[in-house]
Amino acid sequence: MLYYALVFLVIALIAGVLGFSGIAGASAGIAQILFFLFLAFLVISLIVGLIRRV
């Protein structure tokens, strides 16, 4: 999932450089959503791992 966030980030950067503001904004938004979703899964898995150890 982090891979897709990075892909959309790169698409947003390329589209921003080329001047496609609508595509850049949409790609940046998708990348941001995927990144925060990845972080949420990371935190959840860390908490579950700590609970299983105890």
PDB file of N, CA and C in Angstrom:
ATOM      1  N   MET A   1       0.822  -1.181   0.000  1.00  0.00           N
ATOM      2  CA  MET A   1       0.000   0.000   0.000  1.00  0.00           C
ATOM      3  C   MET A   1       0.873   1.254   0.000  1.00  0.00           C
ATOM      4  N   LEU A   2       1.987   1.168   0.681  1.00  0.00           N
ATOM      5  CA  LEU A   2       2.902   2.301   0.660  1.00  0.00           C
ATOM      6  C   LEU A   2       3.435   2.532  -0.749  1.00  0.00           C
ATOM      7  N   TYR A   3       3.597   1.441  -1.498  1.00  0.00           N
ATOM      8  CA  TYR A   3       4.051   1.542  -2.886  1.00  0.00           C
ATOM      9  C   TYR A   3       3.077   2.391  -3.708  1.00  0.00           C
ATOM     10  N   TYR A   4       1.763   2.138  -3.531  1.00  0.00           N
ATOM     11  CA  TYR A   4       0.771   2.901  -4.280  1.00  0.00           C
ATOM     12  C   TYR A   4       0.757   4.371  -3.865  1.00  0.00           C
ATOM     13  N   ALA A   5       0.976   4.631  -2.591  1.00  0.00           N
ATOM     14  CA  ALA A   5       1.048   6.016  -2.137  1.00  0.00           C
ATOM     15  C   ALA A   5       2.220   6.733  -2.801  1.00  0.00           C
ATOM     16  N   LEU A   6       3.354   6.044  -2.902  1.00  0.00           N
ATOM     17  CA  LEU A   6       4.520   6.650  -3.552  1.00  0.00           C
ATOM     18  C   LEU A   6       4.288   6.834  -5.050  1.00  0.00           C
ATOM     19  N   VAL A   7       3.605   5.880  -5.684  1.00  0.00           N
ATOM     20  CA  VAL A   7       3.305   6.007  -7.113  1.00  0.00           C
ATOM     21  C   VAL A   7       2.419   7.223  -7.367  1.00  0.00           C
ATOM     22  N   PHE A   8       1.367   7.378  -6.564  1.00  0.00           N
ATOM     23  CA  PHE A   8       0.490   8.531  -6.747  1.00  0.00           C
ATOM     24  C   PHE A   8       1.207   9.837  -6.415  1.00  0.00           C
ATOM     25  N   LEU A   9       2.145   9.802  -5.490  1.00  0.00           N
ATOM     26  CA  LEU A   9       2.922  10.994  -5.183  1.00  0.00           C
ATOM     27  C   LEU A   9       3.777  11.388  -6.383  1.00  0.00           C
ATOM     28  N   VAL A  10       4.415  10.411  -7.013  1.00  0.00           N
ATOM     29  CA  VAL A  10       5.228  10.696  -8.198  1.00  0.00           C
ATOM     30  C   VAL A  10       4.358  11.215  -9.335  1.00  0.00           C
ATOM     31  N   ILE A  11       3.180  10.619  -9.530  1.00  0.00           N
ATOM     32  CA  ILE A  11       2.259  11.098 -10.565  1.00  0.00           C
ATOM     33  C   ILE A  11       1.854  12.539 -10.282  1.00  0.00           C
ATOM     34  N   ALA A  12       1.597  12.846  -9.018  1.00  0.00           N
ATOM     35  CA  ALA A  12       1.215  14.205  -8.655  1.00  0.00           C
ATOM     36  C   ALA A  12       2.350  15.189  -8.927  1.00  0.00           C
ATOM     37  N   LEU A  13       3.576  14.792  -8.620  1.00  0.00           N
ATOM     38  CA  LEU A  13       4.718  15.681  -8.865  1.00  0.00           C
ATOM     39  C   LEU A  13       4.921  15.921 -10.363  1.00  0.00           C
ATOM     40  N   ILE A  14       4.831  14.865 -11.153  1.00  0.00           N
ATOM     41  CA  ILE A  14       5.004  15.013 -12.601  1.00  0.00           C
ATOM     42  C   ILE A  14       3.883  15.860 -13.188  1.00  0.00           C
ATOM     43  N   ALA A  15       2.651  15.601 -12.770  1.00  0.00           N
ATOM     44  CA  ALA A  15       1.524  16.381 -13.275  1.00  0.00           C
ATOM     45  C   ALA A  15       1.624  17.840 -12.836  1.00  0.00           C
ATOM     46  N   GLY A  16       2.131  18.074 -11.633  1.00  0.00           N
ATOM     47  CA  GLY A  16       2.311  19.449 -11.166  1.00  0.00           C
ATOM     48  C   GLY A  16       3.345  20.200 -11.979  1.00  0.00           C
ATOM     49  N   VAL A  17       4.423  19.511 -12.332  1.00  0.00           N
ATOM     50  CA  VAL A  17       5.463  20.140 -13.146  1.00  0.00           C
ATOM     51  C   VAL A  17       4.933  20.456 -14.541  1.00  0.00           C
ATOM     52  N   LEU A  18       4.118  19.565 -15.086  1.00  0.00           N
ATOM     53  CA  LEU A  18       3.583  19.760 -16.433  1.00  0.00           C
ATOM     54  C   LEU A  18       2.401  20.724 -16.471  1.00  0.00           C
ATOM     55  N   GLY A  19       1.870  21.073 -15.309  1.00  0.00           N
ATOM     56  CA  GLY A  19       0.810  22.065 -15.258  1.00  0.00           C
ATOM     57  C   GLY A  19      -0.593  21.509 -15.236  1.00  0.00           C
ATOM     58  N   PHE A  20      -0.743  20.216 -15.025  1.00  0.00           N
ATOM     59  CA  PHE A  20      -2.074  19.623 -14.933  1.00  0.00           C
ATOM     60  C   PHE A  20      -2.523  19.679 -13.483  1.00  0.00           C
ATOM     61  N   SER A  21      -3.069  20.796 -13.078  1.00  0.00           N
ATOM     62  CA  SER A  21      -3.372  21.000 -11.657  1.00  0.00           C
ATOM     63  C   SER A  21      -4.465  20.067 -11.158  1.00  0.00           C
ATOM     64  N   GLY A  22      -5.459  19.746 -11.977  1.00  0.00           N
ATOM     65  CA  GLY A  22      -6.532  18.848 -11.541  1.00  0.00           C
ATOM     66  C   GLY A  22      -6.021  17.449 -11.282  1.00  0.00           C
ATOM     67  N   ILE A  23      -5.196  16.937 -12.178  1.00  0.00           N
ATOM     68  CA  ILE A  23      -4.632  15.598 -12.018  1.00  0.00           C
ATOM     69  C   ILE A  23      -3.652  15.581 -10.854  1.00  0.00           C
ATOM     70  N   ALA A  24      -2.874  16.623 -10.720  1.00  0.00           N
ATOM     71  CA  ALA A  24      -1.901  16.687  -9.619  1.00  0.00           C
ATOM     72  C   ALA A  24      -2.613  16.703  -8.270  1.00  0.00           C
ATOM     73  N   GLY A  25      -3.666  17.468  -8.178  1.00  0.00           N
ATOM     74  CA  GLY A  25      -4.411  17.540  -6.921  1.00  0.00           C
ATOM     75  C   GLY A  25      -5.066  16.224  -6.566  1.00  0.00           C
ATOM     76  N   ALA A  26      -5.645  15.566  -7.567  1.00  0.00           N
ATOM     77  CA  ALA A  26      -6.297  14.275  -7.323  1.00  0.00           C
ATOM     78  C   ALA A  26      -5.275  13.218  -6.925  1.00  0.00           C
ATOM     79  N   SER A  27      -4.152  13.177  -7.617  1.00  0.00           N
ATOM     80  CA  SER A  27      -3.117  12.188  -7.299  1.00  0.00           C
ATOM     81  C   SER A  27      -2.513  12.449  -5.928  1.00  0.00           C
ATOM     82  N   ALA A  28      -2.308  13.693  -5.590  1.00  0.00           N
ATOM     83  CA  ALA A  28      -1.774  14.026  -4.272  1.00  0.00           C
ATOM     84  C   ALA A  28      -2.767  13.645  -3.180  1.00  0.00           C
ATOM     85  N   GLY A  29      -4.034  13.860  -3.436  1.00  0.00           N
ATOM     86  CA  GLY A  29      -5.059  13.477  -2.461  1.00  0.00           C
ATOM     87  C   GLY A  29      -5.107  11.978  -2.243  1.00  0.00           C
ATOM     88  N   ILE A  30      -5.028  11.216  -3.323  1.00  0.00           N
ATOM     89  CA  ILE A  30      -5.032   9.756  -3.212  1.00  0.00           C
ATOM     90  C   ILE A  30      -3.784   9.281  -2.477  1.00  0.00           C
ATOM     91  N   ALA A  31      -2.634   9.872  -2.806  1.00  0.00           N
ATOM     92  CA  ALA A  31      -1.390   9.488  -2.133  1.00  0.00           C
ATOM     93  C   ALA A  31      -1.461   9.790  -0.637  1.00  0.00           C
ATOM     94  N   GLN A  32      -2.050  10.901  -0.289  1.00  0.00           N
ATOM     95  CA  GLN A  32      -2.170  11.271   1.119  1.00  0.00           C
ATOM     96  C   GLN A  32      -3.085  10.302   1.861  1.00  0.00           C
ATOM     97  N   ILE A  33      -4.211   9.945   1.253  1.00  0.00           N
ATOM     98  CA  ILE A  33      -5.136   9.004   1.882  1.00  0.00           C
ATOM     99  C   ILE A  33      -4.468   7.647   2.083  1.00  0.00           C
ATOM    100  N   LEU A  34      -3.784   7.157   1.052  1.00  0.00           N
ATOM    101  CA  LEU A  34      -3.120   5.861   1.157  1.00  0.00           C
ATOM    102  C   LEU A  34      -2.008   5.886   2.202  1.00  0.00           C
ATOM    103  N   PHE A  35      -1.285   6.990   2.288  1.00  0.00           N
ATOM    104  CA  PHE A  35      -0.208   7.103   3.270  1.00  0.00           C
ATOM    105  C   PHE A  35      -0.751   7.038   4.690  1.00  0.00           C
ATOM    106  N   PHE A  36      -1.826   7.785   4.966  1.00  0.00           N
ATOM    107  CA  PHE A  36      -2.377   7.770   6.314  1.00  0.00           C
ATOM    108  C   PHE A  36      -3.042   6.434   6.633  1.00  0.00           C
ATOM    109  N   LEU A  37      -3.601   5.782   5.625  1.00  0.00           N
ATOM    110  CA  LEU A  37      -4.152   4.449   5.823  1.00  0.00           C
ATOM    111  C   LEU A  37      -3.045   3.464   6.171  1.00  0.00           C
ATOM    112  N   PHE A  38      -1.906   3.578   5.481  1.00  0.00           N
ATOM    113  CA  PHE A  38      -0.749   2.740   5.789  1.00  0.00           C
ATOM    114  C   PHE A  38      -0.260   2.996   7.215  1.00  0.00           C
ATOM    115  N   LEU A  39      -0.199   4.241   7.624  1.00  0.00           N
ATOM    116  CA  LEU A  39       0.228   4.550   8.989  1.00  0.00           C
ATOM    117  C   LEU A  39      -0.730   3.981  10.032  1.00  0.00           C
ATOM    118  N   ALA A  40      -2.025   4.034   9.747  1.00  0.00           N
ATOM    119  CA  ALA A  40      -3.011   3.477  10.674  1.00  0.00           C
ATOM    120  C   ALA A  40      -2.820   1.972  10.811  1.00  0.00           C
ATOM    121  N   PHE A  41      -2.607   1.278   9.690  1.00  0.00           N
ATOM    122  CA  PHE A  41      -2.368  -0.161   9.749  1.00  0.00           C
ATOM    123  C   PHE A  41      -1.079  -0.478  10.497  1.00  0.00           C
ATOM    124  N   LEU A  42      -0.074   0.351  10.333  1.00  0.00           N
ATOM    125  CA  LEU A  42       1.187   0.157  11.044  1.00  0.00           C
ATOM    126  C   LEU A  42       0.986   0.266  12.547  1.00  0.00           C
ATOM    127  N   VAL A  43       0.292   1.290  12.981  1.00  0.00           N
ATOM    128  CA  VAL A  43       0.048   1.487  14.418  1.00  0.00           C
ATOM    129  C   VAL A  43      -0.785   0.336  14.977  1.00  0.00           C
ATOM    130  N   ILE A  44      -1.807  -0.088  14.236  1.00  0.00           N
ATOM    131  CA  ILE A  44      -2.654  -1.191  14.689  1.00  0.00           C
ATOM    132  C   ILE A  44      -1.837  -2.472  14.813  1.00  0.00           C
ATOM    133  N   SER A  45      -0.993  -2.749  13.830  1.00  0.00           N
ATOM    134  CA  SER A  45      -0.201  -3.977  13.892  1.00  0.00           C
ATOM    135  C   SER A  45       0.826  -3.920  15.025  1.00  0.00           C
ATOM    136  N   LEU A  46       1.379  -2.751  15.299  1.00  0.00           N
ATOM    137  CA  LEU A  46       2.303  -2.625  16.434  1.00  0.00           C
ATOM    138  C   LEU A  46       1.599  -2.861  17.764  1.00  0.00           C
ATOM    139  N   ILE A  47       0.408  -2.326  17.908  1.00  0.00           N
ATOM    140  CA  ILE A  47      -0.355  -2.510  19.147  1.00  0.00           C
ATOM    141  C   ILE A  47      -0.729  -3.977  19.331  1.00  0.00           C
ATOM    142  N   VAL A  48      -1.194  -4.623  18.247  1.00  0.00           N
ATOM    143  CA  VAL A  48      -1.557  -6.036  18.331  1.00  0.00           C
ATOM    144  C   VAL A  48      -0.322  -6.876  18.658  1.00  0.00           C
ATOM    145  N   GLY A  49       0.821  -6.539  18.068  1.00  0.00           N
ATOM    146  CA  GLY A  49       2.054  -7.267  18.372  1.00  0.00           C
ATOM    147  C   GLY A  49       2.475  -7.119  19.823  1.00  0.00           C
ATOM    148  N   LEU A  50       2.312  -5.928  20.376  1.00  0.00           N
ATOM    149  CA  LEU A  50       2.654  -5.727  21.795  1.00  0.00           C
ATOM    150  C   LEU A  50       1.697  -6.470  22.710  1.00  0.00           C
ATOM    151  N   ILE A  51       0.428  -6.508  22.352  1.00  0.00           N
ATOM    152  CA  ILE A  51      -0.558  -7.210  23.180  1.00  0.00           C
ATOM    153  C   ILE A  51      -0.305  -8.715  23.150  1.00  0.00           C
ATOM    154  N   ARG A  52       0.082  -9.252  21.999  1.00  0.00           N
ATOM    155  CA  ARG A  52       0.353 -10.692  21.886  1.00  0.00           C
ATOM    156  C   ARG A  52       1.574 -11.111  22.688  1.00  0.00           C
ATOM    157  N   ARG A  53       2.545 -10.239  22.830  1.00  0.00           N
ATOM    158  CA  ARG A  53       3.749 -10.574  23.603  1.00  0.00           C
ATOM    159  C   ARG A  53       3.445 -10.754  25.078  1.00  0.00           C
ATOM    160  N   VAL A  54       2.512  -9.967  25.574  1.00  0.00           N
ATOM    161  CA  VAL A  54       2.196  -9.980  27.012  1.00  0.00           C
ATOM    162  C   VAL A  54       1.314 -11.124  27.314  1.00  0.00           C
TER     163      VAL A  54
END
